[in-house]
Amino acid sequence: TADPDTHAVYLHLAQGLQKLGLLYLHVVDHSSMGAPALPPEIKPALRQAFTAPIILCGGYDRAHADADIAERKADLIAFGRLFLANVDLVEKLRTGVAPTPPDFSKNFTPGPDGYVVL
């Protein structure tokens, strides 16, 4: 379960980072990988507390990304694992073609089917 103080801690951090003049805030939500889900009110509260650009990532698909951008929860959505599995992800998102799900067994595997960061 999530820590009951998560919301207050995140809000306090965002306010402090705002005061420091941080250029952007990058928030990773690991709930798609089994971590406790963030309370839904955190993203809008972060937006209120931090006025510079916010980047969100973690288990996003096109619909979820579009919704969070439209609701002004973020200025940018980052796609990490999904992009590694789909070198043509931008085109797939643009045209509505379903992306290939990541195959974690290929991480750091050489060859044309492996996900190797050079």
N, C-alpha and C. Protein backbone atom coordinates (compact mmCIF):
# COMPACT_ATOMS: atom_id res chain seq x y z
N THR A 1 0.84 -1.19 0.00
CA THR A 1 0.00 0.00 0.00
C THR A 1 0.88 1.25 0.00
N ALA A 2 0.32 2.32 -0.47
CA ALA A 2 1.05 3.58 -0.52
C ALA A 2 1.17 4.18 0.88
N ASP A 3 2.24 4.90 1.09
CA ASP A 3 2.44 5.60 2.35
C ASP A 3 1.38 6.69 2.47
N PRO A 4 0.74 6.83 3.60
CA PRO A 4 -0.32 7.85 3.74
C PRO A 4 0.21 9.28 3.61
N ASP A 5 1.51 9.48 3.76
CA ASP A 5 2.08 10.82 3.64
C ASP A 5 2.59 11.13 2.23
N THR A 6 2.41 10.22 1.29
CA THR A 6 2.94 10.40 -0.06
C THR A 6 2.49 11.72 -0.67
N HIS A 7 1.22 12.01 -0.61
CA HIS A 7 0.70 13.23 -1.22
C HIS A 7 1.37 14.47 -0.62
N ALA A 8 1.44 14.54 0.69
CA ALA A 8 2.03 15.70 1.35
C ALA A 8 3.52 15.83 1.03
N VAL A 9 4.23 14.70 0.98
CA VAL A 9 5.66 14.73 0.67
C VAL A 9 5.88 15.21 -0.76
N TYR A 10 5.14 14.66 -1.72
CA TYR A 10 5.29 15.08 -3.12
C TYR A 10 4.98 16.56 -3.28
N LEU A 11 3.94 17.01 -2.64
CA LEU A 11 3.55 18.41 -2.75
C LEU A 11 4.63 19.32 -2.14
N HIS A 12 5.16 18.95 -1.01
CA HIS A 12 6.23 19.71 -0.36
C HIS A 12 7.47 19.76 -1.26
N LEU A 13 7.84 18.62 -1.85
CA LEU A 13 8.99 18.59 -2.75
C LEU A 13 8.76 19.48 -3.97
N ALA A 14 7.58 19.41 -4.58
CA ALA A 14 7.29 20.23 -5.76
C ALA A 14 7.36 21.71 -5.42
N GLN A 15 6.84 22.09 -4.27
CA GLN A 15 6.90 23.50 -3.86
C GLN A 15 8.35 23.94 -3.65
N GLY A 16 9.15 23.09 -3.04
CA GLY A 16 10.56 23.42 -2.82
C GLY A 16 11.33 23.51 -4.12
N LEU A 17 11.07 22.60 -5.05
CA LEU A 17 11.75 22.63 -6.34
C LEU A 17 11.33 23.85 -7.15
N GLN A 18 10.08 24.25 -7.00
CA GLN A 18 9.60 25.47 -7.68
C GLN A 18 10.39 26.68 -7.19
N LYS A 19 10.61 26.76 -5.89
CA LYS A 19 11.35 27.88 -5.31
C LYS A 19 12.81 27.90 -5.78
N LEU A 20 13.37 26.72 -6.06
CA LEU A 20 14.75 26.64 -6.53
C LEU A 20 14.90 27.04 -8.00
N GLY A 21 13.79 27.15 -8.70
CA GLY A 21 13.83 27.52 -10.11
C GLY A 21 14.20 26.36 -11.03
N LEU A 22 13.88 25.15 -10.61
CA LEU A 22 14.15 23.98 -11.43
C LEU A 22 13.48 24.14 -12.79
N LEU A 23 14.16 23.73 -13.85
CA LEU A 23 13.64 23.92 -15.21
C LEU A 23 12.49 23.00 -15.55
N TYR A 24 12.49 21.78 -15.03
CA TYR A 24 11.38 20.86 -15.27
C TYR A 24 11.36 19.80 -14.17
N LEU A 25 10.23 19.12 -14.06
CA LEU A 25 10.05 18.04 -13.10
C LEU A 25 9.68 16.79 -13.87
N HIS A 26 10.41 15.69 -13.65
CA HIS A 26 10.16 14.43 -14.33
C HIS A 26 9.67 13.44 -13.27
N VAL A 27 8.42 13.00 -13.40
CA VAL A 27 7.80 12.12 -12.40
C VAL A 27 7.57 10.75 -13.03
N VAL A 28 8.12 9.73 -12.39
CA VAL A 28 7.96 8.35 -12.86
C VAL A 28 6.95 7.65 -11.97
N ASP A 29 5.93 7.07 -12.58
CA ASP A 29 4.91 6.31 -11.87
C ASP A 29 5.14 4.83 -12.16
N HIS A 30 5.60 4.09 -11.17
CA HIS A 30 5.92 2.68 -11.36
C HIS A 30 4.75 1.75 -11.07
N SER A 31 3.54 2.28 -10.95
CA SER A 31 2.40 1.41 -10.62
C SER A 31 2.14 0.38 -11.73
N SER A 32 2.50 0.69 -12.98
CA SER A 32 2.31 -0.28 -14.06
C SER A 32 3.25 -1.48 -13.92
N MET A 33 4.25 -1.36 -13.04
CA MET A 33 5.19 -2.46 -12.80
C MET A 33 4.98 -3.09 -11.43
N GLY A 34 3.84 -2.79 -10.80
CA GLY A 34 3.51 -3.43 -9.54
C GLY A 34 3.68 -2.59 -8.29
N ALA A 35 4.22 -1.38 -8.41
CA ALA A 35 4.33 -0.49 -7.25
C ALA A 35 2.94 0.02 -6.87
N PRO A 36 2.78 0.49 -5.66
CA PRO A 36 1.47 1.05 -5.28
C PRO A 36 1.09 2.21 -6.19
N ALA A 37 -0.18 2.28 -6.53
CA ALA A 37 -0.67 3.36 -7.39
C ALA A 37 -0.62 4.69 -6.65
N LEU A 38 -0.29 5.73 -7.41
CA LEU A 38 -0.31 7.07 -6.83
C LEU A 38 -1.76 7.51 -6.66
N PRO A 39 -2.08 8.19 -5.58
CA PRO A 39 -3.43 8.72 -5.45
C PRO A 39 -3.72 9.66 -6.63
N PRO A 40 -4.91 9.62 -7.20
CA PRO A 40 -5.21 10.39 -8.40
C PRO A 40 -5.06 11.91 -8.24
N GLU A 41 -5.14 12.40 -7.03
CA GLU A 41 -5.04 13.85 -6.82
C GLU A 41 -3.60 14.38 -6.85
N ILE A 42 -2.60 13.48 -6.88
CA ILE A 42 -1.21 13.94 -6.82
C ILE A 42 -0.80 14.70 -8.08
N LYS A 43 -1.12 14.19 -9.25
CA LYS A 43 -0.67 14.85 -10.48
C LYS A 43 -1.25 16.26 -10.61
N PRO A 44 -2.55 16.48 -10.40
CA PRO A 44 -3.05 17.86 -10.45
C PRO A 44 -2.45 18.75 -9.37
N ALA A 45 -2.18 18.20 -8.19
CA ALA A 45 -1.58 18.99 -7.11
C ALA A 45 -0.14 19.38 -7.47
N LEU A 46 0.60 18.47 -8.10
CA LEU A 46 1.94 18.80 -8.55
C LEU A 46 1.90 19.93 -9.56
N ARG A 47 0.96 19.88 -10.47
CA ARG A 47 0.81 20.92 -11.48
C ARG A 47 0.55 22.28 -10.82
N GLN A 48 -0.24 22.30 -9.79
CA GLN A 48 -0.53 23.56 -9.09
C GLN A 48 0.71 24.08 -8.37
N ALA A 49 1.49 23.18 -7.80
CA ALA A 49 2.65 23.58 -7.01
C ALA A 49 3.88 23.88 -7.86
N PHE A 50 3.95 23.31 -9.05
CA PHE A 50 5.14 23.44 -9.89
C PHE A 50 4.71 23.95 -11.26
N THR A 51 5.10 25.16 -11.60
CA THR A 51 4.58 25.78 -12.82
C THR A 51 5.48 25.60 -14.04
N ALA A 52 6.72 25.15 -13.85
CA ALA A 52 7.59 24.85 -14.99
C ALA A 52 7.10 23.54 -15.63
N PRO A 53 7.66 23.15 -16.78
CA PRO A 53 7.21 21.92 -17.44
C PRO A 53 7.31 20.68 -16.56
N ILE A 54 6.32 19.81 -16.71
CA ILE A 54 6.28 18.53 -16.01
C ILE A 54 6.26 17.43 -17.05
N ILE A 55 7.16 16.45 -16.86
CA ILE A 55 7.22 15.26 -17.70
C ILE A 55 6.74 14.08 -16.86
N LEU A 56 5.78 13.33 -17.37
CA LEU A 56 5.29 12.13 -16.69
C LEU A 56 5.67 10.91 -17.50
N CYS A 57 5.92 9.81 -16.82
CA CYS A 57 6.15 8.55 -17.52
C CYS A 57 5.78 7.39 -16.61
N GLY A 58 5.63 6.24 -17.24
CA GLY A 58 5.32 5.02 -16.49
C GLY A 58 4.05 4.36 -16.97
N GLY A 59 4.17 3.41 -17.89
CA GLY A 59 3.04 2.62 -18.33
C GLY A 59 2.04 3.34 -19.21
N TYR A 60 2.44 4.40 -19.86
CA TYR A 60 1.51 5.18 -20.68
C TYR A 60 1.24 4.51 -22.02
N ASP A 61 0.00 4.65 -22.48
CA ASP A 61 -0.36 4.36 -23.86
C ASP A 61 -0.86 5.68 -24.46
N ARG A 62 -1.25 5.67 -25.70
CA ARG A 62 -1.65 6.91 -26.38
C ARG A 62 -2.83 7.59 -25.68
N ALA A 63 -3.86 6.83 -25.34
CA ALA A 63 -5.06 7.41 -24.73
C ALA A 63 -4.75 8.04 -23.37
N HIS A 64 -3.99 7.35 -22.56
CA HIS A 64 -3.63 7.86 -21.23
C HIS A 64 -2.76 9.11 -21.36
N ALA A 65 -1.81 9.08 -22.30
CA ALA A 65 -0.95 10.23 -22.53
C ALA A 65 -1.77 11.44 -22.99
N ASP A 66 -2.65 11.22 -23.96
CA ASP A 66 -3.49 12.31 -24.46
C ASP A 66 -4.36 12.90 -23.34
N ALA A 67 -4.89 12.03 -22.49
CA ALA A 67 -5.75 12.49 -21.39
C ALA A 67 -4.97 13.34 -20.39
N ASP A 68 -3.79 12.89 -19.99
CA ASP A 68 -3.01 13.64 -19.01
C ASP A 68 -2.52 14.98 -19.58
N ILE A 69 -2.21 15.01 -20.87
CA ILE A 69 -1.84 16.28 -21.50
C ILE A 69 -3.06 17.20 -21.57
N ALA A 70 -4.19 16.67 -22.01
CA ALA A 70 -5.41 17.48 -22.13
C ALA A 70 -5.86 18.03 -20.78
N GLU A 71 -5.68 17.25 -19.73
CA GLU A 71 -6.08 17.67 -18.38
C GLU A 71 -5.00 18.53 -17.72
N ARG A 72 -3.94 18.85 -18.46
CA ARG A 72 -2.84 19.70 -18.00
C ARG A 72 -2.11 19.12 -16.78
N LYS A 73 -2.11 17.81 -16.66
CA LYS A 73 -1.33 17.18 -15.60
C LYS A 73 0.15 17.15 -15.98
N ALA A 74 0.44 17.23 -17.27
CA ALA A 74 1.81 17.19 -17.77
C ALA A 74 1.93 18.03 -19.03
N ASP A 75 3.16 18.40 -19.33
CA ASP A 75 3.47 19.09 -20.58
C ASP A 75 4.05 18.11 -21.60
N LEU A 76 4.56 17.00 -21.10
CA LEU A 76 5.20 16.01 -21.96
C LEU A 76 5.05 14.64 -21.31
N ILE A 77 4.86 13.62 -22.15
CA ILE A 77 4.82 12.24 -21.66
C ILE A 77 6.02 11.52 -22.26
N ALA A 78 6.78 10.82 -21.41
CA ALA A 78 7.94 10.06 -21.87
C ALA A 78 7.55 8.59 -22.01
N PHE A 79 7.99 7.99 -23.09
CA PHE A 79 7.77 6.57 -23.34
C PHE A 79 9.14 5.90 -23.37
N GLY A 80 9.48 5.12 -22.37
CA GLY A 80 10.78 4.48 -22.31
C GLY A 80 10.77 3.08 -22.87
N ARG A 81 10.25 2.13 -22.12
CA ARG A 81 10.26 0.72 -22.52
C ARG A 81 9.49 0.52 -23.82
N LEU A 82 8.38 1.20 -23.97
CA LEU A 82 7.57 1.06 -25.18
C LEU A 82 8.34 1.55 -26.40
N PHE A 83 9.14 2.60 -26.23
CA PHE A 83 9.94 3.10 -27.34
C PHE A 83 11.06 2.12 -27.70
N LEU A 84 11.67 1.51 -26.68
CA LEU A 84 12.72 0.53 -26.96
C LEU A 84 12.18 -0.64 -27.79
N ALA A 85 10.95 -1.02 -27.55
CA ALA A 85 10.35 -2.15 -28.26
C ALA A 85 9.77 -1.74 -29.62
N ASN A 86 9.70 -0.44 -29.89
CA ASN A 86 9.08 0.06 -31.11
C ASN A 86 9.88 1.24 -31.64
N VAL A 87 10.85 0.97 -32.49
CA VAL A 87 11.63 2.08 -33.03
C VAL A 87 10.75 3.04 -33.83
N ASP A 88 9.59 2.56 -34.28
CA ASP A 88 8.62 3.37 -35.03
C ASP A 88 7.45 3.80 -34.15
N LEU A 89 7.70 3.95 -32.84
CA LEU A 89 6.60 4.26 -31.91
C LEU A 89 5.88 5.54 -32.27
N VAL A 90 6.59 6.57 -32.66
CA VAL A 90 5.94 7.84 -33.00
C VAL A 90 4.92 7.62 -34.11
N GLU A 91 5.32 6.90 -35.14
CA GLU A 91 4.41 6.63 -36.27
C GLU A 91 3.22 5.78 -35.81
N LYS A 92 3.48 4.78 -34.98
CA LYS A 92 2.39 3.94 -34.48
C LYS A 92 1.41 4.75 -33.64
N LEU A 93 1.90 5.63 -32.78
CA LEU A 93 1.01 6.45 -31.97
C LEU A 93 0.21 7.42 -32.86
N ARG A 94 0.87 7.96 -33.87
CA ARG A 94 0.22 8.92 -34.77
C ARG A 94 -0.89 8.26 -35.59
N THR A 95 -0.66 7.02 -36.03
CA THR A 95 -1.60 6.35 -36.92
C THR A 95 -2.57 5.41 -36.21
N GLY A 96 -2.37 5.19 -34.92
CA GLY A 96 -3.27 4.31 -34.17
C GLY A 96 -2.95 2.84 -34.27
N VAL A 97 -1.78 2.50 -34.81
CA VAL A 97 -1.35 1.10 -34.86
C VAL A 97 -0.90 0.69 -33.46
N ALA A 98 -1.34 -0.49 -33.03
CA ALA A 98 -0.98 -0.96 -31.69
C ALA A 98 0.53 -1.22 -31.60
N PRO A 99 1.19 -0.65 -30.60
CA PRO A 99 2.63 -0.92 -30.45
C PRO A 99 2.90 -2.35 -29.99
N THR A 100 4.07 -2.84 -30.34
CA THR A 100 4.52 -4.14 -29.87
C THR A 100 4.87 -4.02 -28.40
N PRO A 101 4.34 -4.90 -27.55
CA PRO A 101 4.69 -4.82 -26.12
C PRO A 101 6.17 -5.15 -25.91
N PRO A 102 6.80 -4.53 -24.92
CA PRO A 102 8.20 -4.82 -24.65
C PRO A 102 8.39 -6.28 -24.21
N ASP A 103 9.49 -6.86 -24.62
CA ASP A 103 9.88 -8.20 -24.20
C ASP A 103 11.13 -8.03 -23.35
N PHE A 104 10.96 -8.05 -22.04
CA PHE A 104 12.06 -7.75 -21.12
C PHE A 104 13.19 -8.77 -21.18
N SER A 105 12.94 -9.93 -21.77
CA SER A 105 14.01 -10.92 -21.91
C SER A 105 15.05 -10.46 -22.93
N LYS A 106 14.72 -9.46 -23.73
CA LYS A 106 15.64 -8.96 -24.76
C LYS A 106 16.47 -7.77 -24.29
N ASN A 107 16.24 -7.29 -23.07
CA ASN A 107 17.02 -6.16 -22.57
C ASN A 107 18.50 -6.50 -22.58
N PHE A 108 19.29 -5.58 -23.12
CA PHE A 108 20.74 -5.70 -23.15
C PHE A 108 21.21 -6.96 -23.90
N THR A 109 20.45 -7.36 -24.90
CA THR A 109 20.80 -8.51 -25.73
C THR A 109 21.26 -7.99 -27.09
N PRO A 110 22.46 -8.39 -27.53
CA PRO A 110 22.92 -7.92 -28.84
C PRO A 110 22.13 -8.55 -29.98
N GLY A 111 22.25 -7.95 -31.14
CA GLY A 111 21.58 -8.49 -32.33
C GLY A 111 20.38 -7.66 -32.72
N PRO A 112 19.79 -7.96 -33.85
CA PRO A 112 18.70 -7.13 -34.37
C PRO A 112 17.43 -7.16 -33.52
N ASP A 113 17.25 -8.19 -32.71
CA ASP A 113 16.05 -8.27 -31.88
C ASP A 113 16.27 -7.81 -30.45
N GLY A 114 17.50 -7.49 -30.09
CA GLY A 114 17.80 -7.10 -28.71
C GLY A 114 17.64 -5.62 -28.47
N TYR A 115 17.46 -5.26 -27.22
CA TYR A 115 17.36 -3.86 -26.82
C TYR A 115 18.68 -3.48 -26.19
N VAL A 116 19.60 -2.98 -26.99
CA VAL A 116 20.92 -2.63 -26.51
C VAL A 116 21.09 -1.12 -26.62
N VAL A 117 21.48 -0.50 -25.54
CA VAL A 117 21.73 0.94 -25.54
C VAL A 117 23.20 1.13 -25.85
N LEU A 118 23.50 1.82 -26.94
CA LEU A 118 24.89 2.04 -27.35
C LEU A 118 25.33 3.42 -27.00
